[in-house]
Amino acid sequence: MTNYHLQENLAVSDSGFLFHASTGETFTVNETGKTIIKLLQQKKEKDEIFSQLVNEFDIEAGLLEKDYEDFINQLKNFSLIEVK
């Protein structure tokens, strides 16, 4: 299974504000995104993240799969996460 890790030079606030220190770019994520970021910081794997999201947000697994992959792809496109 692919494990994603946040870039070391990424600052994350409790309000969902992300700052990429290397590029100076800033990003804002919603509640679901904040939860995913928080779980990635804790080095949780995809199945653990899914379990948490389903319980916390009452999301259907099928919809969650697509939304999760879209969000991860956005994080990758902006070089906010890396594969380890």
PDB file of N, CA and C in Angstrom:
ATOM      1  N   MET A   1       0.841  -1.173   0.000  1.00  0.00           N
ATOM      2  CA  MET A   1       0.000   0.000   0.000  1.00  0.00           C
ATOM      3  C   MET A   1       0.891   1.242   0.000  1.00  0.00           C
ATOM      4  N   THR A   2       0.491   2.250  -0.751  1.00  0.00           N
ATOM      5  CA  THR A   2       1.236   3.494  -0.834  1.00  0.00           C
ATOM      6  C   THR A   2       1.024   4.316   0.430  1.00  0.00           C
ATOM      7  N   ASN A   3       2.104   4.771   1.008  1.00  0.00           N
ATOM      8  CA  ASN A   3       2.028   5.644   2.172  1.00  0.00           C
ATOM      9  C   ASN A   3       2.436   7.048   1.760  1.00  0.00           C
ATOM     10  N   TYR A   4       1.627   8.014   2.151  1.00  0.00           N
ATOM     11  CA  TYR A   4       1.907   9.411   1.849  1.00  0.00           C
ATOM     12  C   TYR A   4       2.339  10.119   3.120  1.00  0.00           C
ATOM     13  N   HIS A   5       3.278  11.030   2.970  1.00  0.00           N
ATOM     14  CA  HIS A   5       3.760  11.823   4.095  1.00  0.00           C
ATOM     15  C   HIS A   5       3.785  13.281   3.679  1.00  0.00           C
ATOM     16  N   LEU A   6       3.394  14.147   4.594  1.00  0.00           N
ATOM     17  CA  LEU A   6       3.453  15.575   4.323  1.00  0.00           C
ATOM     18  C   LEU A   6       4.903  16.005   4.185  1.00  0.00           C
ATOM     19  N   GLN A   7       5.132  16.977   3.318  1.00  0.00           N
ATOM     20  CA  GLN A   7       6.472  17.535   3.179  1.00  0.00           C
ATOM     21  C   GLN A   7       6.912  18.118   4.516  1.00  0.00           C
ATOM     22  N   GLU A   8       8.169  17.997   4.822  1.00  0.00           N
ATOM     23  CA  GLU A   8       8.693  18.499   6.092  1.00  0.00           C
ATOM     24  C   GLU A   8       8.592  20.014   6.203  1.00  0.00           C
ATOM     25  N   ASN A   9       8.633  20.712   5.085  1.00  0.00           N
ATOM     26  CA  ASN A   9       8.605  22.170   5.106  1.00  0.00           C
ATOM     27  C   ASN A   9       7.186  22.728   4.962  1.00  0.00           C
ATOM     28  N   LEU A  10       6.189  21.935   5.351  1.00  0.00           N
ATOM     29  CA  LEU A  10       4.790  22.345   5.265  1.00  0.00           C
ATOM     30  C   LEU A  10       4.269  22.651   6.663  1.00  0.00           C
ATOM     31  N   ALA A  11       3.812  23.884   6.847  1.00  0.00           N
ATOM     32  CA  ALA A  11       3.213  24.281   8.123  1.00  0.00           C
ATOM     33  C   ALA A  11       1.700  24.163   7.999  1.00  0.00           C
ATOM     34  N   VAL A  12       1.067  23.589   9.020  1.00  0.00           N
ATOM     35  CA  VAL A  12      -0.372  23.356   9.006  1.00  0.00           C
ATOM     36  C   VAL A  12      -0.978  23.958  10.267  1.00  0.00           C
ATOM     37  N   SER A  13      -1.998  24.810  10.080  1.00  0.00           N
ATOM     38  CA  SER A  13      -2.667  25.401  11.241  1.00  0.00           C
ATOM     39  C   SER A  13      -3.914  24.595  11.588  1.00  0.00           C
ATOM     40  N   ASP A  14      -4.439  24.811  12.786  1.00  0.00           N
ATOM     41  CA  ASP A  14      -5.660  24.130  13.220  1.00  0.00           C
ATOM     42  C   ASP A  14      -6.878  24.563  12.411  1.00  0.00           C
ATOM     43  N   SER A  15      -6.793  25.702  11.753  1.00  0.00           N
ATOM     44  CA  SER A  15      -7.933  26.206  10.984  1.00  0.00           C
ATOM     45  C   SER A  15      -7.957  25.689   9.545  1.00  0.00           C
ATOM     46  N   GLY A  16      -6.949  24.896   9.153  1.00  0.00           N
ATOM     47  CA  GLY A  16      -6.912  24.344   7.804  1.00  0.00           C
ATOM     48  C   GLY A  16      -6.099  25.173   6.828  1.00  0.00           C
ATOM     49  N   PHE A  17      -5.275  26.036   7.342  1.00  0.00           N
ATOM     50  CA  PHE A  17      -4.394  26.870   6.531  1.00  0.00           C
ATOM     51  C   PHE A  17      -3.058  26.147   6.382  1.00  0.00           C
ATOM     52  N   LEU A  18      -2.595  25.984   5.135  1.00  0.00           N
ATOM     53  CA  LEU A  18      -1.326  25.313   4.858  1.00  0.00           C
ATOM     54  C   LEU A  18      -0.356  26.316   4.255  1.00  0.00           C
ATOM     55  N   PHE A  19       0.887  26.276   4.704  1.00  0.00           N
ATOM     56  CA  PHE A  19       1.926  27.147   4.167  1.00  0.00           C
ATOM     57  C   PHE A  19       3.107  26.287   3.746  1.00  0.00           C
ATOM     58  N   HIS A  20       3.454  26.354   2.468  1.00  0.00           N
ATOM     59  CA  HIS A  20       4.589  25.614   1.915  1.00  0.00           C
ATOM     60  C   HIS A  20       5.802  26.536   1.979  1.00  0.00           C
ATOM     61  N   ALA A  21       6.679  26.303   2.943  1.00  0.00           N
ATOM     62  CA  ALA A  21       7.804  27.203   3.204  1.00  0.00           C
ATOM     63  C   ALA A  21       8.768  27.315   2.022  1.00  0.00           C
ATOM     64  N   SER A  22       8.929  26.261   1.248  1.00  0.00           N
ATOM     65  CA  SER A  22       9.876  26.292   0.127  1.00  0.00           C
ATOM     66  C   SER A  22       9.408  27.198  -1.003  1.00  0.00           C
ATOM     67  N   THR A  23       8.091  27.231  -1.226  1.00  0.00           N
ATOM     68  CA  THR A  23       7.561  27.996  -2.357  1.00  0.00           C
ATOM     69  C   THR A  23       6.873  29.287  -1.935  1.00  0.00           C
ATOM     70  N   GLY A  24       6.509  29.390  -0.655  1.00  0.00           N
ATOM     71  CA  GLY A  24       5.768  30.551  -0.180  1.00  0.00           C
ATOM     72  C   GLY A  24       4.284  30.480  -0.475  1.00  0.00           C
ATOM     73  N   GLU A  25       3.845  29.378  -1.070  1.00  0.00           N
ATOM     74  CA  GLU A  25       2.427  29.228  -1.406  1.00  0.00           C
ATOM     75  C   GLU A  25       1.606  28.896  -0.168  1.00  0.00           C
ATOM     76  N   THR A  26       0.358  29.351  -0.191  1.00  0.00           N
ATOM     77  CA  THR A  26      -0.574  29.049   0.890  1.00  0.00           C
ATOM     78  C   THR A  26      -1.804  28.360   0.320  1.00  0.00           C
ATOM     79  N   PHE A  27      -2.430  27.548   1.144  1.00  0.00           N
ATOM     80  CA  PHE A  27      -3.608  26.785   0.748  1.00  0.00           C
ATOM     81  C   PHE A  27      -4.561  26.730   1.933  1.00  0.00           C
ATOM     82  N   THR A  28      -5.832  26.559   1.636  1.00  0.00           N
ATOM     83  CA  THR A  28      -6.834  26.373   2.676  1.00  0.00           C
ATOM     84  C   THR A  28      -7.620  25.114   2.344  1.00  0.00           C
ATOM     85  N   VAL A  29      -7.868  24.281   3.348  1.00  0.00           N
ATOM     86  CA  VAL A  29      -8.642  23.058   3.144  1.00  0.00           C
ATOM     87  C   VAL A  29      -9.880  23.083   4.036  1.00  0.00           C
ATOM     88  N   ASN A  30     -10.900  22.315   3.630  1.00  0.00           N
ATOM     89  CA  ASN A  30     -12.134  22.231   4.414  1.00  0.00           C
ATOM     90  C   ASN A  30     -11.958  21.251   5.577  1.00  0.00           C
ATOM     91  N   GLU A  31     -13.046  21.007   6.308  1.00  0.00           N
ATOM     92  CA  GLU A  31     -12.981  20.135   7.491  1.00  0.00           C
ATOM     93  C   GLU A  31     -12.487  18.731   7.143  1.00  0.00           C
ATOM     94  N   THR A  32     -12.983  18.187   6.045  1.00  0.00           N
ATOM     95  CA  THR A  32     -12.548  16.850   5.635  1.00  0.00           C
ATOM     96  C   THR A  32     -11.064  16.864   5.290  1.00  0.00           C
ATOM     97  N   GLY A  33     -10.640  17.869   4.556  1.00  0.00           N
ATOM     98  CA  GLY A  33      -9.229  18.006   4.219  1.00  0.00           C
ATOM     99  C   GLY A  33      -8.359  18.155   5.452  1.00  0.00           C
ATOM    100  N   LYS A  34      -8.837  18.939   6.432  1.00  0.00           N
ATOM    101  CA  LYS A  34      -8.088  19.099   7.683  1.00  0.00           C
ATOM    102  C   LYS A  34      -7.909  17.764   8.379  1.00  0.00           C
ATOM    103  N   THR A  35      -8.963  16.957   8.381  1.00  0.00           N
ATOM    104  CA  THR A  35      -8.884  15.651   9.034  1.00  0.00           C
ATOM    105  C   THR A  35      -7.881  14.756   8.313  1.00  0.00           C
ATOM    106  N   ILE A  36      -7.920  14.753   6.986  1.00  0.00           N
ATOM    107  CA  ILE A  36      -6.968  13.947   6.218  1.00  0.00           C
ATOM    108  C   ILE A  36      -5.540  14.408   6.506  1.00  0.00           C
ATOM    109  N   ILE A  37      -5.309  15.712   6.497  1.00  0.00           N
ATOM    110  CA  ILE A  37      -3.976  16.258   6.780  1.00  0.00           C
ATOM    111  C   ILE A  37      -3.523  15.836   8.175  1.00  0.00           C
ATOM    112  N   LYS A  38      -4.424  15.972   9.155  1.00  0.00           N
ATOM    113  CA  LYS A  38      -4.090  15.606  10.537  1.00  0.00           C
ATOM    114  C   LYS A  38      -3.690  14.133  10.621  1.00  0.00           C
ATOM    115  N   LEU A  39      -4.435  13.270   9.928  1.00  0.00           N
ATOM    116  CA  LEU A  39      -4.146  11.838   9.961  1.00  0.00           C
ATOM    117  C   LEU A  39      -2.856  11.515   9.208  1.00  0.00           C
ATOM    118  N   LEU A  40      -2.574  12.241   8.133  1.00  0.00           N
ATOM    119  CA  LEU A  40      -1.300  12.060   7.438  1.00  0.00           C
ATOM    120  C   LEU A  40      -0.140  12.476   8.340  1.00  0.00           C
ATOM    121  N   GLN A  41      -0.341  13.540   9.121  1.00  0.00           N
ATOM    122  CA  GLN A  41       0.696  13.964  10.068  1.00  0.00           C
ATOM    123  C   GLN A  41       0.981  12.865  11.087  1.00  0.00           C
ATOM    124  N   GLN A  42      -0.061  12.102  11.424  1.00  0.00           N
ATOM    125  CA  GLN A  42       0.079  11.013  12.387  1.00  0.00           C
ATOM    126  C   GLN A  42       0.565   9.729  11.724  1.00  0.00           C
ATOM    127  N   LYS A  43       0.892   9.833  10.426  1.00  0.00           N
ATOM    128  CA  LYS A  43       1.407   8.710   9.639  1.00  0.00           C
ATOM    129  C   LYS A  43       0.422   7.540   9.547  1.00  0.00           C
ATOM    130  N   LYS A  44      -0.876   7.882   9.491  1.00  0.00           N
ATOM    131  CA  LYS A  44      -1.921   6.868   9.348  1.00  0.00           C
ATOM    132  C   LYS A  44      -1.952   6.377   7.908  1.00  0.00           C
ATOM    133  N   GLU A  45      -2.317   5.120   7.735  1.00  0.00           N
ATOM    134  CA  GLU A  45      -2.448   4.548   6.402  1.00  0.00           C
ATOM    135  C   GLU A  45      -3.858   4.787   5.880  1.00  0.00           C
ATOM    136  N   LYS A  46      -4.035   4.536   4.587  1.00  0.00           N
ATOM    137  CA  LYS A  46      -5.296   4.836   3.912  1.00  0.00           C
ATOM    138  C   LYS A  46      -6.496   4.197   4.608  1.00  0.00           C
ATOM    139  N   ASP A  47      -6.393   2.934   5.007  1.00  0.00           N
ATOM    140  CA  ASP A  47      -7.540   2.275   5.631  1.00  0.00           C
ATOM    141  C   ASP A  47      -7.906   2.916   6.965  1.00  0.00           C
ATOM    142  N   GLU A  48      -6.909   3.374   7.709  1.00  0.00           N
ATOM    143  CA  GLU A  48      -7.174   4.063   8.973  1.00  0.00           C
ATOM    144  C   GLU A  48      -7.820   5.426   8.717  1.00  0.00           C
ATOM    145  N   ILE A  49      -7.353   6.109   7.688  1.00  0.00           N
ATOM    146  CA  ILE A  49      -7.929   7.405   7.326  1.00  0.00           C
ATOM    147  C   ILE A  49      -9.381   7.224   6.907  1.00  0.00           C
ATOM    148  N   PHE A  50      -9.650   6.219   6.066  1.00  0.00           N
ATOM    149  CA  PHE A  50     -11.020   5.951   5.620  1.00  0.00           C
ATOM    150  C   PHE A  50     -11.932   5.673   6.801  1.00  0.00           C
ATOM    151  N   SER A  51     -11.488   4.839   7.704  1.00  0.00           N
ATOM    152  CA  SER A  51     -12.295   4.483   8.870  1.00  0.00           C
ATOM    153  C   SER A  51     -12.657   5.726   9.672  1.00  0.00           C
ATOM    154  N   GLN A  52     -11.681   6.579   9.908  1.00  0.00           N
ATOM    155  CA  GLN A  52     -11.911   7.818  10.658  1.00  0.00           C
ATOM    156  C   GLN A  52     -12.902   8.725   9.925  1.00  0.00           C
ATOM    157  N   LEU A  53     -12.726   8.886   8.614  1.00  0.00           N
ATOM    158  CA  LEU A  53     -13.598   9.773   7.843  1.00  0.00           C
ATOM    159  C   LEU A  53     -15.028   9.259   7.793  1.00  0.00           C
ATOM    160  N   VAL A  54     -15.198   7.961   7.600  1.00  0.00           N
ATOM    161  CA  VAL A  54     -16.548   7.380   7.558  1.00  0.00           C
ATOM    162  C   VAL A  54     -17.252   7.605   8.889  1.00  0.00           C
ATOM    163  N   ASN A  55     -16.531   7.413   9.990  1.00  0.00           N
ATOM    164  CA  ASN A  55     -17.126   7.597  11.315  1.00  0.00           C
ATOM    165  C   ASN A  55     -17.411   9.060  11.626  1.00  0.00           C
ATOM    166  N   GLU A  56     -16.495   9.932  11.267  1.00  0.00           N
ATOM    167  CA  GLU A  56     -16.614  11.342  11.640  1.00  0.00           C
ATOM    168  C   GLU A  56     -17.577  12.123  10.751  1.00  0.00           C
ATOM    169  N   PHE A  57     -17.609  11.803   9.455  1.00  0.00           N
ATOM    170  CA  PHE A  57     -18.383  12.606   8.515  1.00  0.00           C
ATOM    171  C   PHE A  57     -19.561  11.870   7.891  1.00  0.00           C
ATOM    172  N   ASP A  58     -19.788  10.621   8.258  1.00  0.00           N
ATOM    173  CA  ASP A  58     -20.905   9.837   7.719  1.00  0.00           C
ATOM    174  C   ASP A  58     -20.904   9.864   6.188  1.00  0.00           C
ATOM    175  N   ILE A  59     -19.772   9.493   5.617  1.00  0.00           N
ATOM    176  CA  ILE A  59     -19.567   9.501   4.171  1.00  0.00           C
ATOM    177  C   ILE A  59     -19.666   8.076   3.642  1.00  0.00           C
ATOM    178  N   GLU A  60     -20.316   7.902   2.488  1.00  0.00           N
ATOM    179  CA  GLU A  60     -20.375   6.585   1.854  1.00  0.00           C
ATOM    180  C   GLU A  60     -18.985   6.219   1.332  1.00  0.00           C
ATOM    181  N   ALA A  61     -18.629   4.956   1.472  1.00  0.00           N
ATOM    182  CA  ALA A  61     -17.290   4.493   1.088  1.00  0.00           C
ATOM    183  C   ALA A  61     -16.983   4.761  -0.386  1.00  0.00           C
ATOM    184  N   GLY A  62     -17.958   4.564  -1.269  1.00  0.00           N
ATOM    185  CA  GLY A  62     -17.737   4.789  -2.701  1.00  0.00           C
ATOM    186  C   GLY A  62     -17.414   6.237  -3.020  1.00  0.00           C
ATOM    187  N   LEU A  63     -18.144   7.145  -2.420  1.00  0.00           N
ATOM    188  CA  LEU A  63     -17.898   8.569  -2.619  1.00  0.00           C
ATOM    189  C   LEU A  63     -16.575   8.973  -1.978  1.00  0.00           C
ATOM    190  N   LEU A  64     -16.304   8.415  -0.831  1.00  0.00           N
ATOM    191  CA  LEU A  64     -15.066   8.718  -0.116  1.00  0.00           C
ATOM    192  C   LEU A  64     -13.844   8.335  -0.944  1.00  0.00           C
ATOM    193  N   GLU A  65     -13.882   7.189  -1.592  1.00  0.00           N
ATOM    194  CA  GLU A  65     -12.747   6.717  -2.396  1.00  0.00           C
ATOM    195  C   GLU A  65     -12.368   7.753  -3.453  1.00  0.00           C
ATOM    196  N   LYS A  66     -13.360   8.230  -4.202  1.00  0.00           N
ATOM    197  CA  LYS A  66     -13.093   9.208  -5.259  1.00  0.00           C
ATOM    198  C   LYS A  66     -12.605  10.526  -4.675  1.00  0.00           C
ATOM    199  N   ASP A  67     -13.291  11.026  -3.659  1.00  0.00           N
ATOM    200  CA  ASP A  67     -12.908  12.304  -3.054  1.00  0.00           C
ATOM    201  C   ASP A  67     -11.508  12.239  -2.445  1.00  0.00           C
ATOM    202  N   TYR A  68     -11.198  11.126  -1.794  1.00  0.00           N
ATOM    203  CA  TYR A  68      -9.879  10.953  -1.186  1.00  0.00           C
ATOM    204  C   TYR A  68      -8.789  10.977  -2.260  1.00  0.00           C
ATOM    205  N   GLU A  69      -8.994  10.212  -3.327  1.00  0.00           N
ATOM    206  CA  GLU A  69      -7.996  10.159  -4.402  1.00  0.00           C
ATOM    207  C   GLU A  69      -7.832  11.523  -5.058  1.00  0.00           C
ATOM    208  N   ASP A  70      -8.943  12.252  -5.268  1.00  0.00           N
ATOM    209  CA  ASP A  70      -8.860  13.599  -5.836  1.00  0.00           C
ATOM    210  C   ASP A  70      -8.045  14.524  -4.930  1.00  0.00           C
ATOM    211  N   PHE A  71      -8.306  14.455  -3.625  1.00  0.00           N
ATOM    212  CA  PHE A  71      -7.603  15.309  -2.669  1.00  0.00           C
ATOM    213  C   PHE A  71      -6.115  14.964  -2.629  1.00  0.00           C
ATOM    214  N   ILE A  72      -5.797  13.677  -2.571  1.00  0.00           N
ATOM    215  CA  ILE A  72      -4.398  13.236  -2.566  1.00  0.00           C
ATOM    216  C   ILE A  72      -3.690  13.702  -3.837  1.00  0.00           C
ATOM    217  N   ASN A  73      -4.363  13.600  -4.980  1.00  0.00           N
ATOM    218  CA  ASN A  73      -3.762  14.049  -6.239  1.00  0.00           C
ATOM    219  C   ASN A  73      -3.491  15.552  -6.222  1.00  0.00           C
ATOM    220  N   GLN A  74      -4.399  16.327  -5.627  1.00  0.00           N
ATOM    221  CA  GLN A  74      -4.167  17.767  -5.505  1.00  0.00           C
ATOM    222  C   GLN A  74      -2.958  18.041  -4.616  1.00  0.00           C
ATOM    223  N   LEU A  75      -2.872  17.326  -3.503  1.00  0.00           N
ATOM    224  CA  LEU A  75      -1.718  17.498  -2.617  1.00  0.00           C
ATOM    225  C   LEU A  75      -0.417  17.155  -3.346  1.00  0.00           C
ATOM    226  N   LYS A  76      -0.442  16.084  -4.149  1.00  0.00           N
ATOM    227  CA  LYS A  76       0.749  15.697  -4.917  1.00  0.00           C
ATOM    228  C   LYS A  76       1.090  16.756  -5.963  1.00  0.00           C
ATOM    229  N   ASN A  77       0.064  17.256  -6.670  1.00  0.00           N
ATOM    230  CA  ASN A  77       0.292  18.259  -7.713  1.00  0.00           C
ATOM    231  C   ASN A  77       0.942  19.524  -7.166  1.00  0.00           C
ATOM    232  N   PHE A  78       0.617  19.879  -5.930  1.00  0.00           N
ATOM    233  CA  PHE A  78       1.203  21.065  -5.307  1.00  0.00           C
ATOM    234  C   PHE A  78       2.447  20.732  -4.478  1.00  0.00           C
ATOM    235  N   SER A  79       2.928  19.495  -4.604  1.00  0.00           N
ATOM    236  CA  SER A  79       4.133  19.031  -3.887  1.00  0.00           C
ATOM    237  C   SER A  79       4.017  19.200  -2.378  1.00  0.00           C
ATOM    238  N   LEU A  80       2.823  18.931  -1.847  1.00  0.00           N
ATOM    239  CA  LEU A  80       2.596  19.034  -0.407  1.00  0.00           C
ATOM    240  C   LEU A  80       2.788  17.701   0.300  1.00  0.00           C
ATOM    241  N   ILE A  81       2.742  16.610  -0.465  1.00  0.00           N
ATOM    242  CA  ILE A  81       2.985  15.288   0.104  1.00  0.00           C
ATOM    243  C   ILE A  81       3.990  14.554  -0.766  1.00  0.00           C
ATOM    244  N   GLU A  82       4.562  13.526  -0.181  1.00  0.00           N
ATOM    245  CA  GLU A  82       5.483  12.671  -0.916  1.00  0.00           C
ATOM    246  C   GLU A  82       5.156  11.217  -0.599  1.00  0.00           C
ATOM    247  N   VAL A  83       5.534  10.354  -1.516  1.00  0.00           N
ATOM    248  CA  VAL A  83       5.304   8.925  -1.346  1.00  0.00           C
ATOM    249  C   VAL A  83       6.509   8.334  -0.644  1.00  0.00           C
ATOM    250  N   LYS A  84       6.243   7.539   0.391  1.00  0.00           N
ATOM    251  CA  LYS A  84       7.341   6.869   1.107  1.00  0.00           C
ATOM    252  C   LYS A  84       7.015   5.415   1.273  1.00  0.00           C
TER     253      LYS A  84
END
